[in-house]
Amino acid sequence: MEQNKEEAVGVPRLQFEAEDPQSDQVSQQPQNDVDDEDGWHDLTLKWETEQIKYLGVNITKDLSKIYNSVYGMFKMERITFIKRLQFDIFSEIWGKWKHYIQLRRPDLV
């Protein structure tokens, strides 16, 4: 009953192996634990984590370089287009205003 309740909740049960198949004594090491005598498993996991971290940084840097090289031109072109458009609008307004001033007060221009 207790085993069914734990499985129903989703708690995994650790499988223990007996030191001697003939005895009823159970070892305290679960089967799914990694046999790590010299610390190699921890070292490998740490190295993989560091590699992924640095790889992520390199990917981020490379993506920013790609973005700047591809979209940087378009961004600058867009800014110059907006400035040119503003200048065109301003010059058009100024031209009309200047024409109006020339008609009304030719001595000012």
N, C-alpha and C. Protein backbone atom coordinates (compact mmCIF):
# COMPACT_ATOMS: atom_id res chain seq x y z
N MET A 1 0.82 -1.19 0.00
CA MET A 1 0.00 0.00 0.00
C MET A 1 0.87 1.25 0.00
N GLU A 2 1.93 1.24 0.83
CA GLU A 2 2.83 2.39 0.90
C GLU A 2 3.56 2.59 -0.43
N GLN A 3 3.94 1.49 -1.07
CA GLN A 3 4.65 1.59 -2.34
C GLN A 3 3.73 2.17 -3.42
N ASN A 4 2.49 1.77 -3.46
CA ASN A 4 1.55 2.29 -4.44
C ASN A 4 1.31 3.77 -4.22
N LYS A 5 1.27 4.20 -2.96
CA LYS A 5 1.03 5.60 -2.66
C LYS A 5 2.19 6.45 -3.17
N GLU A 6 3.43 6.00 -2.96
CA GLU A 6 4.59 6.76 -3.43
C GLU A 6 4.65 6.80 -4.95
N GLU A 7 4.33 5.70 -5.60
CA GLU A 7 4.35 5.69 -7.05
C GLU A 7 3.24 6.56 -7.61
N ALA A 8 2.11 6.62 -6.92
CA ALA A 8 1.00 7.44 -7.40
C ALA A 8 1.36 8.92 -7.31
N VAL A 9 2.09 9.29 -6.28
CA VAL A 9 2.48 10.69 -6.13
C VAL A 9 3.57 11.05 -7.14
N GLY A 10 4.35 10.08 -7.58
CA GLY A 10 5.40 10.33 -8.54
C GLY A 10 6.78 10.38 -7.92
N VAL A 11 6.91 9.93 -6.70
CA VAL A 11 8.22 9.92 -6.05
C VAL A 11 8.95 8.66 -6.49
N PRO A 12 10.11 8.79 -7.13
CA PRO A 12 10.82 7.59 -7.55
C PRO A 12 11.43 6.87 -6.36
N ARG A 13 11.35 5.56 -6.41
CA ARG A 13 11.93 4.76 -5.34
C ARG A 13 13.34 4.38 -5.75
N LEU A 14 14.29 4.51 -4.81
CA LEU A 14 15.67 4.12 -5.07
C LEU A 14 15.79 2.61 -5.00
N GLN A 15 16.50 2.05 -5.95
CA GLN A 15 16.73 0.62 -5.97
C GLN A 15 18.05 0.33 -5.28
N PHE A 16 18.01 -0.50 -4.27
CA PHE A 16 19.22 -0.88 -3.55
C PHE A 16 19.59 -2.30 -3.94
N GLU A 17 20.87 -2.53 -4.09
CA GLU A 17 21.30 -3.89 -4.41
C GLU A 17 21.94 -4.50 -3.17
N ALA A 18 21.74 -5.76 -3.01
CA ALA A 18 22.31 -6.46 -1.86
C ALA A 18 23.78 -6.73 -2.12
N GLU A 19 24.58 -6.61 -1.06
CA GLU A 19 26.00 -6.88 -1.21
C GLU A 19 26.24 -8.34 -1.55
N ASP A 20 25.50 -9.20 -0.94
CA ASP A 20 25.61 -10.63 -1.21
C ASP A 20 24.22 -11.11 -1.63
N PRO A 21 24.08 -11.74 -2.78
CA PRO A 21 22.75 -12.17 -3.20
C PRO A 21 22.07 -13.11 -2.21
N GLN A 22 22.87 -13.83 -1.42
CA GLN A 22 22.29 -14.78 -0.48
C GLN A 22 21.82 -14.10 0.81
N SER A 23 22.34 -12.91 1.11
CA SER A 23 21.99 -12.28 2.38
C SER A 23 20.84 -11.29 2.19
N ASP A 24 20.24 -10.94 3.31
CA ASP A 24 19.15 -9.98 3.30
C ASP A 24 19.63 -8.56 3.59
N GLN A 25 20.92 -8.37 3.81
CA GLN A 25 21.42 -7.04 4.10
C GLN A 25 21.45 -6.21 2.81
N VAL A 26 21.08 -4.98 2.94
CA VAL A 26 21.02 -4.08 1.80
C VAL A 26 22.13 -3.05 1.95
N SER A 27 22.86 -2.81 0.86
CA SER A 27 23.91 -1.79 0.93
C SER A 27 23.28 -0.40 0.94
N GLN A 28 24.03 0.57 1.40
CA GLN A 28 23.51 1.93 1.49
C GLN A 28 23.74 2.74 0.21
N GLN A 29 24.39 2.13 -0.78
CA GLN A 29 24.63 2.83 -2.04
C GLN A 29 23.52 2.48 -3.04
N PRO A 30 22.77 3.44 -3.51
CA PRO A 30 21.75 3.13 -4.53
C PRO A 30 22.41 2.79 -5.86
N GLN A 31 21.70 2.03 -6.69
CA GLN A 31 22.25 1.59 -7.97
C GLN A 31 22.44 2.76 -8.94
N ASN A 32 21.58 3.75 -8.87
CA ASN A 32 21.66 4.83 -9.84
C ASN A 32 22.70 5.88 -9.46
N ASP A 33 23.47 5.65 -8.41
CA ASP A 33 24.54 6.57 -8.05
C ASP A 33 25.77 6.25 -8.89
N VAL A 34 26.51 7.27 -9.29
CA VAL A 34 27.68 7.06 -10.13
C VAL A 34 28.84 6.59 -9.26
N ASP A 35 29.53 5.56 -9.72
CA ASP A 35 30.70 5.07 -8.99
C ASP A 35 31.83 6.06 -9.23
N ASP A 36 32.11 6.87 -8.24
CA ASP A 36 33.06 7.96 -8.40
C ASP A 36 34.16 7.82 -7.37
N GLU A 37 35.20 7.10 -7.75
CA GLU A 37 36.29 6.87 -6.80
C GLU A 37 37.31 8.00 -6.81
N ASP A 38 37.57 8.59 -7.97
CA ASP A 38 38.62 9.59 -8.05
C ASP A 38 38.09 11.00 -8.36
N GLY A 39 36.80 11.20 -8.30
CA GLY A 39 36.24 12.52 -8.56
C GLY A 39 36.15 12.88 -10.03
N TRP A 40 36.30 11.90 -10.92
CA TRP A 40 36.30 12.18 -12.35
C TRP A 40 34.93 12.65 -12.83
N HIS A 41 33.87 12.08 -12.27
CA HIS A 41 32.53 12.45 -12.72
C HIS A 41 32.24 13.91 -12.39
N ASP A 42 32.58 14.36 -11.19
CA ASP A 42 32.35 15.75 -10.83
C ASP A 42 33.19 16.68 -11.70
N LEU A 43 34.43 16.31 -11.97
CA LEU A 43 35.30 17.12 -12.80
C LEU A 43 34.74 17.24 -14.21
N THR A 44 34.22 16.14 -14.74
CA THR A 44 33.65 16.16 -16.08
C THR A 44 32.42 17.05 -16.13
N LEU A 45 31.55 16.95 -15.14
CA LEU A 45 30.36 17.80 -15.13
C LEU A 45 30.74 19.27 -15.02
N LYS A 46 31.73 19.58 -14.19
CA LYS A 46 32.16 20.96 -14.05
C LYS A 46 32.73 21.47 -15.37
N TRP A 47 33.52 20.68 -16.06
CA TRP A 47 34.10 21.09 -17.33
C TRP A 47 33.02 21.32 -18.38
N GLU A 48 32.01 20.43 -18.42
CA GLU A 48 30.93 20.61 -19.38
C GLU A 48 30.16 21.88 -19.10
N THR A 49 29.94 22.18 -17.83
CA THR A 49 29.22 23.40 -17.48
C THR A 49 30.01 24.63 -17.90
N GLU A 50 31.31 24.63 -17.63
CA GLU A 50 32.14 25.77 -18.02
C GLU A 50 32.16 25.92 -19.54
N GLN A 51 32.25 24.81 -20.24
CA GLN A 51 32.29 24.87 -21.70
C GLN A 51 30.99 25.44 -22.24
N ILE A 52 29.88 25.03 -21.70
CA ILE A 52 28.59 25.54 -22.16
C ILE A 52 28.48 27.03 -21.85
N LYS A 53 28.95 27.43 -20.67
CA LYS A 53 28.89 28.84 -20.31
C LYS A 53 29.71 29.68 -21.28
N TYR A 54 30.93 29.26 -21.55
CA TYR A 54 31.76 30.02 -22.48
C TYR A 54 31.22 29.95 -23.90
N LEU A 55 30.67 28.80 -24.26
CA LEU A 55 30.08 28.68 -25.59
C LEU A 55 28.91 29.64 -25.73
N GLY A 56 28.10 29.77 -24.68
CA GLY A 56 27.00 30.72 -24.72
C GLY A 56 27.47 32.15 -24.89
N VAL A 57 28.55 32.50 -24.21
CA VAL A 57 29.10 33.85 -24.34
C VAL A 57 29.61 34.07 -25.76
N ASN A 58 30.31 33.07 -26.30
CA ASN A 58 30.83 33.22 -27.66
C ASN A 58 29.70 33.32 -28.67
N ILE A 59 28.65 32.53 -28.48
CA ILE A 59 27.52 32.61 -29.40
C ILE A 59 26.88 33.99 -29.30
N THR A 60 26.73 34.51 -28.10
CA THR A 60 26.14 35.83 -27.94
C THR A 60 27.00 36.90 -28.62
N LYS A 61 28.32 36.82 -28.42
CA LYS A 61 29.19 37.79 -29.06
C LYS A 61 29.12 37.67 -30.58
N ASP A 62 29.12 36.44 -31.08
CA ASP A 62 29.07 36.26 -32.53
C ASP A 62 27.75 36.77 -33.09
N LEU A 63 26.65 36.53 -32.39
CA LEU A 63 25.36 37.02 -32.87
C LEU A 63 25.33 38.54 -32.88
N SER A 64 25.92 39.18 -31.87
CA SER A 64 25.93 40.64 -31.87
C SER A 64 26.77 41.17 -33.02
N LYS A 65 27.90 40.48 -33.33
CA LYS A 65 28.71 40.92 -34.47
C LYS A 65 27.93 40.75 -35.77
N ILE A 66 27.24 39.62 -35.90
CA ILE A 66 26.45 39.39 -37.12
C ILE A 66 25.35 40.43 -37.23
N TYR A 67 24.68 40.72 -36.12
CA TYR A 67 23.59 41.71 -36.15
C TYR A 67 24.12 43.08 -36.56
N ASN A 68 25.25 43.47 -35.97
CA ASN A 68 25.81 44.78 -36.31
C ASN A 68 26.27 44.84 -37.76
N SER A 69 26.85 43.74 -38.25
CA SER A 69 27.34 43.77 -39.63
C SER A 69 26.20 43.74 -40.63
N VAL A 70 25.10 43.05 -40.30
CA VAL A 70 23.99 42.95 -41.26
C VAL A 70 23.03 44.12 -41.11
N TYR A 71 22.60 44.40 -39.88
CA TYR A 71 21.58 45.41 -39.67
C TYR A 71 22.15 46.78 -39.34
N GLY A 72 23.45 46.86 -39.09
CA GLY A 72 24.04 48.16 -38.79
C GLY A 72 23.93 49.12 -39.96
N MET A 73 24.16 48.61 -41.18
CA MET A 73 24.04 49.47 -42.36
C MET A 73 22.61 49.96 -42.51
N PHE A 74 21.66 49.06 -42.34
CA PHE A 74 20.26 49.45 -42.50
C PHE A 74 19.86 50.46 -41.43
N LYS A 75 20.39 50.27 -40.22
CA LYS A 75 20.06 51.20 -39.15
C LYS A 75 20.61 52.59 -39.48
N MET A 76 21.86 52.66 -39.93
CA MET A 76 22.44 53.96 -40.28
C MET A 76 21.71 54.55 -41.49
N GLU A 77 21.37 53.71 -42.43
CA GLU A 77 20.64 54.20 -43.60
C GLU A 77 19.28 54.74 -43.20
N ARG A 78 18.63 54.05 -42.26
CA ARG A 78 17.33 54.52 -41.80
C ARG A 78 17.46 55.86 -41.08
N ILE A 79 18.51 56.01 -40.26
CA ILE A 79 18.70 57.27 -39.55
C ILE A 79 18.98 58.39 -40.54
N THR A 80 19.85 58.14 -41.52
CA THR A 80 20.12 59.19 -42.51
C THR A 80 18.89 59.49 -43.35
N PHE A 81 18.07 58.47 -43.63
CA PHE A 81 16.84 58.70 -44.38
C PHE A 81 15.88 59.58 -43.59
N ILE A 82 15.77 59.30 -42.28
CA ILE A 82 14.88 60.12 -41.45
C ILE A 82 15.40 61.55 -41.38
N LYS A 83 16.71 61.71 -41.21
CA LYS A 83 17.27 63.07 -41.18
C LYS A 83 17.05 63.78 -42.51
N ARG A 84 17.25 63.04 -43.60
CA ARG A 84 17.03 63.63 -44.91
C ARG A 84 15.57 64.01 -45.10
N LEU A 85 14.68 63.12 -44.63
CA LEU A 85 13.26 63.40 -44.74
C LEU A 85 12.88 64.62 -43.91
N GLN A 86 13.41 64.70 -42.69
CA GLN A 86 13.14 65.87 -41.86
C GLN A 86 13.68 67.14 -42.52
N PHE A 87 14.86 67.04 -43.09
CA PHE A 87 15.44 68.20 -43.76
C PHE A 87 14.60 68.59 -44.97
N ASP A 88 14.12 67.59 -45.73
CA ASP A 88 13.28 67.89 -46.89
C ASP A 88 11.99 68.57 -46.46
N ILE A 89 11.38 68.05 -45.39
CA ILE A 89 10.14 68.67 -44.90
C ILE A 89 10.42 70.09 -44.42
N PHE A 90 11.50 70.23 -43.66
CA PHE A 90 11.85 71.56 -43.16
C PHE A 90 12.15 72.52 -44.31
N SER A 91 12.91 72.03 -45.31
CA SER A 91 13.25 72.92 -46.42
C SER A 91 12.01 73.27 -47.24
N GLU A 92 11.09 72.30 -47.34
CA GLU A 92 9.86 72.60 -48.07
C GLU A 92 9.04 73.64 -47.32
N ILE A 93 8.92 73.47 -46.02
CA ILE A 93 8.18 74.46 -45.22
C ILE A 93 8.89 75.81 -45.27
N TRP A 94 10.21 75.77 -45.15
CA TRP A 94 10.97 77.02 -45.18
C TRP A 94 10.86 77.70 -46.56
N GLY A 95 10.84 76.88 -47.60
CA GLY A 95 10.70 77.45 -48.94
C GLY A 95 9.35 78.14 -49.10
N LYS A 96 8.29 77.50 -48.61
CA LYS A 96 6.96 78.12 -48.69
C LYS A 96 6.89 79.38 -47.82
N TRP A 97 7.47 79.29 -46.64
CA TRP A 97 7.46 80.44 -45.74
C TRP A 97 8.29 81.59 -46.32
N LYS A 98 9.42 81.23 -46.93
CA LYS A 98 10.27 82.24 -47.54
C LYS A 98 9.54 82.90 -48.71
N HIS A 99 8.84 82.08 -49.49
CA HIS A 99 8.06 82.62 -50.60
C HIS A 99 6.96 83.55 -50.07
N TYR A 100 6.31 83.17 -48.99
CA TYR A 100 5.27 84.01 -48.37
C TYR A 100 5.88 85.33 -47.89
N ILE A 101 7.05 85.24 -47.26
CA ILE A 101 7.70 86.46 -46.76
C ILE A 101 8.10 87.36 -47.94
N GLN A 102 8.60 86.75 -49.02
CA GLN A 102 8.98 87.55 -50.19
C GLN A 102 7.78 88.28 -50.77
N LEU A 103 6.63 87.61 -50.75
CA LEU A 103 5.43 88.26 -51.27
C LEU A 103 4.97 89.40 -50.37
N ARG A 104 5.02 89.19 -49.05
CA ARG A 104 4.50 90.18 -48.11
C ARG A 104 5.52 91.28 -47.80
N ARG A 105 6.74 90.85 -47.50
CA ARG A 105 7.77 91.81 -47.10
C ARG A 105 9.04 91.56 -47.89
N PRO A 106 9.16 92.03 -49.08
CA PRO A 106 10.35 91.77 -49.88
C PRO A 106 11.61 92.41 -49.33
N ASP A 107 11.47 93.37 -48.46
CA ASP A 107 12.64 94.02 -47.90
C ASP A 107 13.35 93.17 -46.85
N LEU A 108 12.65 92.14 -46.27
CA LEU A 108 13.27 91.30 -45.25
C LEU A 108 14.17 90.23 -45.85
N VAL A 109 13.84 89.79 -47.04
CA VAL A 109 14.59 88.68 -47.61
C VAL A 109 15.61 89.17 -48.62
